[in-house]
Amino acid sequence: MPFYLEGHELITRLSSFFLVNNSIAYDLGCSTGKLVQDIYSYNKDLKNLKIIGFDEESKMINHARKSLSAKKRKNILYIKKNLKNFKLKKCDFVSSYYTLQFIKPKFRQKIFDEIYKSLNHGGGFIIFEKVRGNDARFQDILTQVYHEFKLNQGISKNEIYNKSLSIRGVLEPFTYKANIDFMKRAGFKDINSIMQYGPFAGFLAI
């Protein structure tokens, strides 16, 4: 995925605009927990900062917990949680890094609604998603550019094809506009693009 680590770094830096002493933050789809720990380390001077990572994969949660130093365990919590049915405490910051695109569309609006409802006034929500083109022509352009990127990374054509088969019916991206519409329906009015490369986009909603 292009600029994966740069996206992590951007989220980490932007988190400091929203986190204060006693803040609670969430990372939805925390995977190995790296982003959670990066956010905490960047804001480590804050008092009583609590960051909670959710992931529905037990292996990811176990890996994240094992990588957590004893010093950070009072500030960072990893929880096995299915995002189709979850609740958040009142918080100041929520991140979702290429996660909601794997949630079935019928559950997705409910997740955006829960995020908006949980955020304190002025809180920040950052989401990165793979996005579809606005029409077939744009989709074809974005797909070809991404395939070329993969080939340049040393991934074979056969591997690219097999990957596309493996995520069929699993990865269901929406257009750039549709992602903004999800946020607007939830109640967000202040939404800004923070990064885009081909079919990958990041948004900040306040």
Protein backbone atom coordinates (compact mmCIF):
# COMPACT_ATOMS: atom_id res chain seq x y z
CA MET A 1 0.00 0.00 0.00
CA PRO A 2 1.52 3.38 -0.98
CA PHE A 3 2.53 5.80 1.78
CA TYR A 4 1.34 3.43 4.52
CA LEU A 5 3.90 4.59 7.08
CA GLU A 6 3.49 8.23 6.06
CA GLY A 7 -0.23 7.90 6.77
CA HIS A 8 0.60 6.58 10.25
CA GLU A 9 2.91 9.52 10.85
CA LEU A 10 0.30 12.04 9.70
CA ILE A 11 -2.37 10.60 12.01
CA THR A 12 0.10 10.63 14.89
CA ARG A 13 0.95 14.29 14.40
CA LEU A 14 -2.65 15.37 13.87
CA SER A 15 -3.75 13.59 17.06
CA SER A 16 -1.93 16.22 19.11
CA PHE A 17 -4.43 18.87 17.95
CA PHE A 18 -7.21 17.03 19.80
CA LEU A 19 -5.69 15.17 22.74
CA VAL A 20 -5.33 16.88 26.12
CA ASN A 21 -4.83 15.78 29.71
CA ASN A 22 -7.31 12.99 30.64
CA SER A 23 -8.30 12.41 27.00
CA ILE A 24 -9.64 9.10 25.74
CA ALA A 25 -8.82 8.06 22.17
CA TYR A 26 -9.76 5.05 20.05
CA ASP A 27 -8.19 3.28 17.09
CA LEU A 28 -10.70 1.11 15.23
CA GLY A 29 -9.05 -1.90 13.60
CA CYS A 30 -5.81 -1.51 15.55
CA SER A 31 -4.09 -4.55 13.98
CA THR A 32 -0.65 -4.98 15.60
CA GLY A 33 -1.16 -1.88 17.76
CA LYS A 34 1.64 0.14 16.19
CA LEU A 35 -0.48 3.21 15.44
CA VAL A 36 -1.90 3.21 18.97
CA GLN A 37 1.58 3.15 20.46
CA ASP A 38 2.82 5.81 18.05
CA ILE A 39 -0.05 8.12 19.06
CA TYR A 40 0.67 7.52 22.73
CA SER A 41 4.42 8.11 22.37
CA TYR A 42 3.84 11.35 20.46
CA ASN A 43 1.53 12.61 23.22
CA LYS A 44 3.28 10.96 26.19
CA ASP A 45 3.62 14.20 28.16
CA LEU A 46 -0.16 14.39 28.60
CA LYS A 47 -1.49 13.27 31.98
CA ASN A 48 -3.84 10.26 32.19
CA LEU A 49 -4.08 9.81 28.43
CA LYS A 50 -5.98 6.62 27.59
CA ILE A 51 -5.85 5.02 24.12
CA ILE A 52 -7.99 1.99 23.30
CA GLY A 53 -7.47 -0.20 20.24
CA PHE A 54 -10.24 -2.41 18.85
CA ASP A 55 -9.72 -5.33 16.51
CA GLU A 56 -11.87 -8.39 15.83
CA GLU A 57 -8.90 -10.67 15.14
CA SER A 58 -7.62 -12.47 18.25
CA LYS A 59 -4.15 -12.93 16.72
CA MET A 60 -3.80 -9.18 16.18
CA ILE A 61 -4.95 -8.34 19.70
CA ASN A 62 -2.57 -10.90 21.23
CA HIS A 63 0.32 -9.56 19.13
CA ALA A 64 -0.51 -5.99 20.16
CA ARG A 65 -0.65 -6.90 23.84
CA LYS A 66 2.67 -8.74 23.71
CA SER A 67 4.37 -5.73 22.10
CA LEU A 68 3.15 -3.45 24.88
CA SER A 69 5.74 -2.49 27.49
CA ALA A 70 4.77 -2.65 31.17
CA LYS A 71 5.17 1.13 31.40
CA LYS A 72 2.44 1.73 28.82
CA ARG A 73 -0.11 -0.79 30.09
CA LYS A 74 -1.95 1.69 32.31
CA ASN A 75 -2.48 4.03 29.33
CA ILE A 76 -3.07 1.62 26.43
CA LEU A 77 -5.72 -1.07 26.19
CA TYR A 78 -6.35 -3.53 23.37
CA ILE A 79 -9.79 -5.12 23.14
CA LYS A 80 -11.15 -7.81 20.83
CA LYS A 81 -14.27 -6.17 19.41
CA ASN A 82 -16.51 -6.60 16.39
CA LEU A 83 -17.14 -3.15 14.92
CA LYS A 84 -20.59 -4.15 13.68
CA ASN A 85 -21.85 -3.75 17.23
CA PHE A 86 -19.80 -1.58 19.58
CA LYS A 87 -20.04 1.42 21.88
CA LEU A 88 -17.50 4.13 22.63
CA LYS A 89 -17.06 6.25 25.72
CA LYS A 90 -16.97 10.02 25.33
CA CYS A 91 -13.62 10.77 23.72
CA ASP A 92 -11.52 13.39 21.96
CA PHE A 93 -10.04 11.43 19.07
CA VAL A 94 -10.89 8.41 16.90
CA SER A 95 -8.82 6.91 14.09
CA SER A 96 -9.71 4.26 11.52
CA TYR A 97 -6.86 3.25 9.22
CA TYR A 98 -8.09 1.21 6.22
CA THR A 99 -10.63 -0.62 8.39
CA LEU A 100 -14.21 0.38 7.57
CA GLN A 101 -13.75 -0.66 3.93
CA PHE A 102 -13.92 -4.26 5.20
CA ILE A 103 -17.22 -3.71 7.05
CA LYS A 104 -20.37 -4.66 5.16
CA PRO A 105 -22.09 -1.51 3.83
CA LYS A 106 -25.30 -2.18 5.77
CA PHE A 107 -23.38 -1.74 9.05
CA ARG A 108 -21.19 1.17 8.05
CA GLN A 109 -23.46 4.15 8.70
CA LYS A 110 -24.12 2.93 12.23
CA ILE A 111 -20.36 3.00 12.89
CA PHE A 112 -20.02 6.58 11.64
CA ASP A 113 -23.01 7.54 13.80
CA GLU A 114 -21.44 5.98 16.91
CA ILE A 115 -18.13 7.77 16.28
CA TYR A 116 -19.84 11.15 15.91
CA LYS A 117 -22.00 10.61 19.00
CA SER A 118 -18.98 9.63 21.11
CA LEU A 119 -16.75 12.59 20.25
CA ASN A 120 -16.62 15.57 22.57
CA HIS A 121 -17.24 18.95 20.96
CA GLY A 122 -14.17 19.78 18.87
CA GLY A 123 -13.03 16.16 18.83
CA GLY A 124 -11.31 14.74 15.76
CA PHE A 125 -12.01 11.70 13.60
CA ILE A 126 -9.43 10.55 11.04
CA ILE A 127 -10.31 7.89 8.52
CA PHE A 128 -8.23 6.41 5.70
CA GLU A 129 -10.00 4.29 3.10
CA LYS A 130 -9.48 2.83 -0.33
CA VAL A 131 -11.89 4.71 -2.60
CA ARG A 132 -13.62 3.92 -5.87
CA GLY A 133 -13.53 6.18 -8.90
CA ASN A 134 -16.53 8.41 -9.53
CA ASP A 135 -17.37 6.46 -12.68
CA ALA A 136 -16.08 3.51 -14.72
CA ARG A 137 -13.44 5.61 -16.51
CA PHE A 138 -11.94 6.95 -13.30
CA GLN A 139 -12.12 3.52 -11.66
CA ASP A 140 -10.21 2.00 -14.58
CA ILE A 141 -7.52 4.69 -14.31
CA LEU A 142 -7.11 4.26 -10.55
CA THR A 143 -7.00 0.47 -10.81
CA GLN A 144 -4.33 0.51 -13.51
CA VAL A 145 -2.18 3.00 -11.60
CA TYR A 146 -2.39 0.89 -8.45
CA HIS A 147 -1.55 -2.31 -10.33
CA GLU A 148 1.51 -0.60 -11.81
CA PHE A 149 2.53 0.49 -8.32
CA LYS A 150 2.30 -3.15 -7.15
CA LEU A 151 4.35 -4.39 -10.08
CA ASN A 152 7.03 -1.83 -9.28
CA GLN A 153 7.12 -3.22 -5.73
CA GLY A 154 8.02 -6.64 -7.12
CA ILE A 155 4.57 -8.21 -6.84
CA SER A 156 3.84 -10.54 -9.74
CA LYS A 157 0.80 -10.29 -12.01
CA ASN A 158 -0.37 -13.66 -10.72
CA GLU A 159 -0.14 -12.46 -7.11
CA ILE A 160 -2.08 -9.31 -7.98
CA TYR A 161 -4.81 -11.37 -9.63
CA ASN A 162 -5.03 -13.84 -6.73
CA LYS A 163 -5.23 -10.97 -4.25
CA SER A 164 -8.13 -9.42 -6.18
CA LEU A 165 -9.96 -12.76 -5.99
CA SER A 166 -9.29 -13.18 -2.26
CA ILE A 167 -10.84 -9.81 -1.34
CA ARG A 168 -13.86 -10.14 -3.60
CA GLY A 169 -16.95 -9.57 -1.44
CA VAL A 170 -14.69 -8.68 1.50
CA LEU A 171 -13.27 -5.29 0.54
CA GLU A 172 -16.10 -2.96 -0.49
CA PRO A 173 -14.83 0.60 -0.97
CA PHE A 174 -17.03 3.62 -1.66
CA THR A 175 -16.26 6.74 -3.66
CA TYR A 176 -14.56 9.77 -2.16
CA LYS A 177 -17.92 11.59 -2.06
CA ALA A 178 -19.75 8.62 -0.54
CA ASN A 179 -17.30 8.52 2.37
CA ILE A 180 -17.92 12.21 3.01
CA ASP A 181 -21.67 11.55 2.81
CA PHE A 182 -21.36 8.89 5.53
CA MET A 183 -19.73 11.49 7.78
CA LYS A 184 -22.25 14.20 6.97
CA ARG A 185 -25.21 11.91 7.68
CA ALA A 186 -23.64 11.12 11.06
CA GLY A 187 -23.54 14.85 11.84
CA PHE A 188 -20.05 16.00 10.84
CA LYS A 189 -19.98 19.35 9.06
CA ASP A 190 -16.25 20.20 9.12
CA ILE A 191 -14.49 17.66 6.88
CA ASN A 192 -11.18 18.04 5.09
CA SER A 193 -8.96 15.87 2.89
CA ILE A 194 -5.55 15.24 4.47
CA MET A 195 -3.95 12.81 2.00
CA GLN A 196 -4.67 11.05 -1.27
CA TYR A 197 -2.65 8.85 -3.60
CA GLY A 198 -4.61 7.24 -6.41
CA PRO A 199 -7.38 5.15 -4.84
CA PHE A 200 -6.28 5.77 -1.23
CA ALA A 201 -7.63 8.74 0.71
CA GLY A 202 -7.47 10.19 4.20
CA PHE A 203 -10.04 12.51 5.77
CA LEU A 204 -10.17 14.58 8.94
CA ALA A 205 -13.60 15.36 10.40
CA ILE A 206 -14.07 17.59 13.45
